[in-house]
């Protein structure tokens, strides 16, 4: 969903240029690759947070309904973390 946000931002830029009757230059392959790698690195960081088990870390991964390991909020700090990051 983060990558969809990046794509939506670029579509917004395209439509803004179109509405102002200005020429739109699409992003270069280098810029697209950089943005994609940043999104994937951010996603990898968030998913790796579940593997780190520090007691002060506001994030835990537990079984959710016995089906899958999902990050779960367990107190106010972790709830704030989820609302700001996800």
C-alpha atoms as a PDB file:
ATOM      1  CA  UNK A   1       0.000   0.000   0.000  1.00  0.00           C
ATOM      2  CA  UNK A   2       2.970   2.334   0.494  1.00  0.00           C
ATOM      3  CA  UNK A   3       3.973   1.879  -3.121  1.00  0.00           C
ATOM      4  CA  UNK A   4       0.394   2.689  -4.129  1.00  0.00           C
ATOM      5  CA  UNK A   5       0.784   5.957  -2.230  1.00  0.00           C
ATOM      6  CA  UNK A   6       3.895   6.832  -4.229  1.00  0.00           C
ATOM      7  CA  UNK A   7       2.070   6.034  -7.477  1.00  0.00           C
ATOM      8  CA  UNK A   8      -0.942   8.099  -6.389  1.00  0.00           C
ATOM      9  CA  UNK A   9       1.370  11.022  -5.661  1.00  0.00           C
ATOM     10  CA  UNK A  10       2.820  10.837  -9.154  1.00  0.00           C
ATOM     11  CA  UNK A  11      -0.678  10.627 -10.667  1.00  0.00           C
ATOM     12  CA  UNK A  12      -1.656  13.703  -8.656  1.00  0.00           C
ATOM     13  CA  UNK A  13       1.370  15.516 -10.041  1.00  0.00           C
ATOM     14  CA  UNK A  14       0.376  14.462 -13.591  1.00  0.00           C
ATOM     15  CA  UNK A  15      -3.196  15.682 -13.141  1.00  0.00           C
ATOM     16  CA  UNK A  16      -2.038  18.946 -11.563  1.00  0.00           C
ATOM     17  CA  UNK A  17       0.206  19.655 -14.550  1.00  0.00           C
ATOM     18  CA  UNK A  18      -2.609  18.728 -16.900  1.00  0.00           C
ATOM     19  CA  UNK A  19      -5.063  21.044 -15.129  1.00  0.00           C
ATOM     20  CA  UNK A  20      -2.627  23.942 -15.364  1.00  0.00           C
ATOM     21  CA  UNK A  21      -1.962  23.205 -19.051  1.00  0.00           C
ATOM     22  CA  UNK A  22       1.734  22.639 -18.395  1.00  0.00           C
ATOM     23  CA  UNK A  23       3.957  20.021 -19.956  1.00  0.00           C
ATOM     24  CA  UNK A  24       4.458  16.961 -17.778  1.00  0.00           C
ATOM     25  CA  UNK A  25       7.756  15.121 -17.803  1.00  0.00           C
ATOM     26  CA  UNK A  26       7.454  11.588 -16.425  1.00  0.00           C
ATOM     27  CA  UNK A  27       9.907  10.491 -13.739  1.00  0.00           C
ATOM     28  CA  UNK A  28      13.149   8.990 -14.935  1.00  0.00           C
ATOM     29  CA  UNK A  29      13.884   5.308 -14.485  1.00  0.00           C
ATOM     30  CA  UNK A  30      16.456   6.252 -11.849  1.00  0.00           C
ATOM     31  CA  UNK A  31      13.864   8.167  -9.805  1.00  0.00           C
ATOM     32  CA  UNK A  32      11.297   5.357 -10.078  1.00  0.00           C
ATOM     33  CA  UNK A  33      13.888   2.780  -9.007  1.00  0.00           C
ATOM     34  CA  UNK A  34      15.018   4.941  -6.083  1.00  0.00           C
ATOM     35  CA  UNK A  35      11.462   5.508  -4.845  1.00  0.00           C
ATOM     36  CA  UNK A  36      10.651   1.798  -5.146  1.00  0.00           C
ATOM     37  CA  UNK A  37      13.775   0.788  -3.251  1.00  0.00           C
ATOM     38  CA  UNK A  38      13.021   3.296  -0.496  1.00  0.00           C
ATOM     39  CA  UNK A  39       9.497   1.912  -0.108  1.00  0.00           C
ATOM     40  CA  UNK A  40      10.785  -1.674  -0.040  1.00  0.00           C
ATOM     41  CA  UNK A  41      13.502  -0.764   2.481  1.00  0.00           C
ATOM     42  CA  UNK A  42      10.916   0.917   4.712  1.00  0.00           C
ATOM     43  CA  UNK A  43       8.657  -2.146   4.444  1.00  0.00           C
ATOM     44  CA  UNK A  44      11.573  -4.454   5.261  1.00  0.00           C
ATOM     45  CA  UNK A  45      12.415  -2.337   8.305  1.00  0.00           C
ATOM     46  CA  UNK A  46       8.835  -2.501   9.556  1.00  0.00           C
ATOM     47  CA  UNK A  47       8.651  -6.247   9.050  1.00  0.00           C
ATOM     48  CA  UNK A  48      12.024  -6.798  10.740  1.00  0.00           C
ATOM     49  CA  UNK A  49      10.761  -4.949  13.804  1.00  0.00           C
ATOM     50  CA  UNK A  50       8.741  -8.054  14.683  1.00  0.00           C
ATOM     51  CA  UNK A  51      11.900 -10.174  14.863  1.00  0.00           C
ATOM     52  CA  UNK A  52      13.588  -7.883  17.380  1.00  0.00           C
ATOM     53  CA  UNK A  53      12.438  -8.677  20.906  1.00  0.00           C
ATOM     54  CA  UNK A  54      13.595  -5.871  23.167  1.00  0.00           C
ATOM     55  CA  UNK A  55      11.447  -5.183  26.244  1.00  0.00           C
ATOM     56  CA  UNK A  56      11.475  -1.418  25.575  1.00  0.00           C
ATOM     57  CA  UNK A  57      10.446  -1.840  21.913  1.00  0.00           C
ATOM     58  CA  UNK A  58       6.828  -0.705  21.368  1.00  0.00           C
ATOM     59  CA  UNK A  59       6.124  -3.547  18.967  1.00  0.00           C
ATOM     60  CA  UNK A  60       5.446  -7.266  19.412  1.00  0.00           C
ATOM     61  CA  UNK A  61       4.541 -10.002  16.980  1.00  0.00           C
ATOM     62  CA  UNK A  62       2.106 -12.602  18.285  1.00  0.00           C
ATOM     63  CA  UNK A  63      -0.247 -15.178  16.873  1.00  0.00           C
ATOM     64  CA  UNK A  64      -3.475 -13.522  15.857  1.00  0.00           C
ATOM     65  CA  UNK A  65      -6.424 -15.895  16.219  1.00  0.00           C
ATOM     66  CA  UNK A  66      -3.982 -18.782  15.806  1.00  0.00           C
ATOM     67  CA  UNK A  67      -3.682 -18.132  12.080  1.00  0.00           C
ATOM     68  CA  UNK A  68      -0.794 -15.827  11.356  1.00  0.00           C
ATOM     69  CA  UNK A  69       1.880 -13.818  13.154  1.00  0.00           C
ATOM     70  CA  UNK A  70       0.794 -10.198  12.991  1.00  0.00           C
ATOM     71  CA  UNK A  71       2.050  -7.089  14.750  1.00  0.00           C
ATOM     72  CA  UNK A  72      -0.352  -6.326  17.589  1.00  0.00           C
ATOM     73  CA  UNK A  73      -0.753  -3.299  19.786  1.00  0.00           C
ATOM     74  CA  UNK A  74      -0.600  -4.039  23.493  1.00  0.00           C
ATOM     75  CA  UNK A  75      -0.478  -0.643  25.190  1.00  0.00           C
ATOM     76  CA  UNK A  76      -0.837   3.075  24.445  1.00  0.00           C
ATOM     77  CA  UNK A  77       2.702   3.476  23.082  1.00  0.00           C
ATOM     78  CA  UNK A  78       2.311   0.650  20.595  1.00  0.00           C
ATOM     79  CA  UNK A  79      -1.100   1.954  19.524  1.00  0.00           C
ATOM     80  CA  UNK A  80       0.440   5.369  18.759  1.00  0.00           C
ATOM     81  CA  UNK A  81       3.254   3.627  16.857  1.00  0.00           C
ATOM     82  CA  UNK A  82       0.772   1.729  14.687  1.00  0.00           C
ATOM     83  CA  UNK A  83      -1.338   4.802  13.949  1.00  0.00           C
ATOM     84  CA  UNK A  84       1.723   6.829  12.894  1.00  0.00           C
ATOM     85  CA  UNK A  85       3.615   4.160  10.914  1.00  0.00           C
ATOM     86  CA  UNK A  86       0.844   2.130   9.346  1.00  0.00           C
END
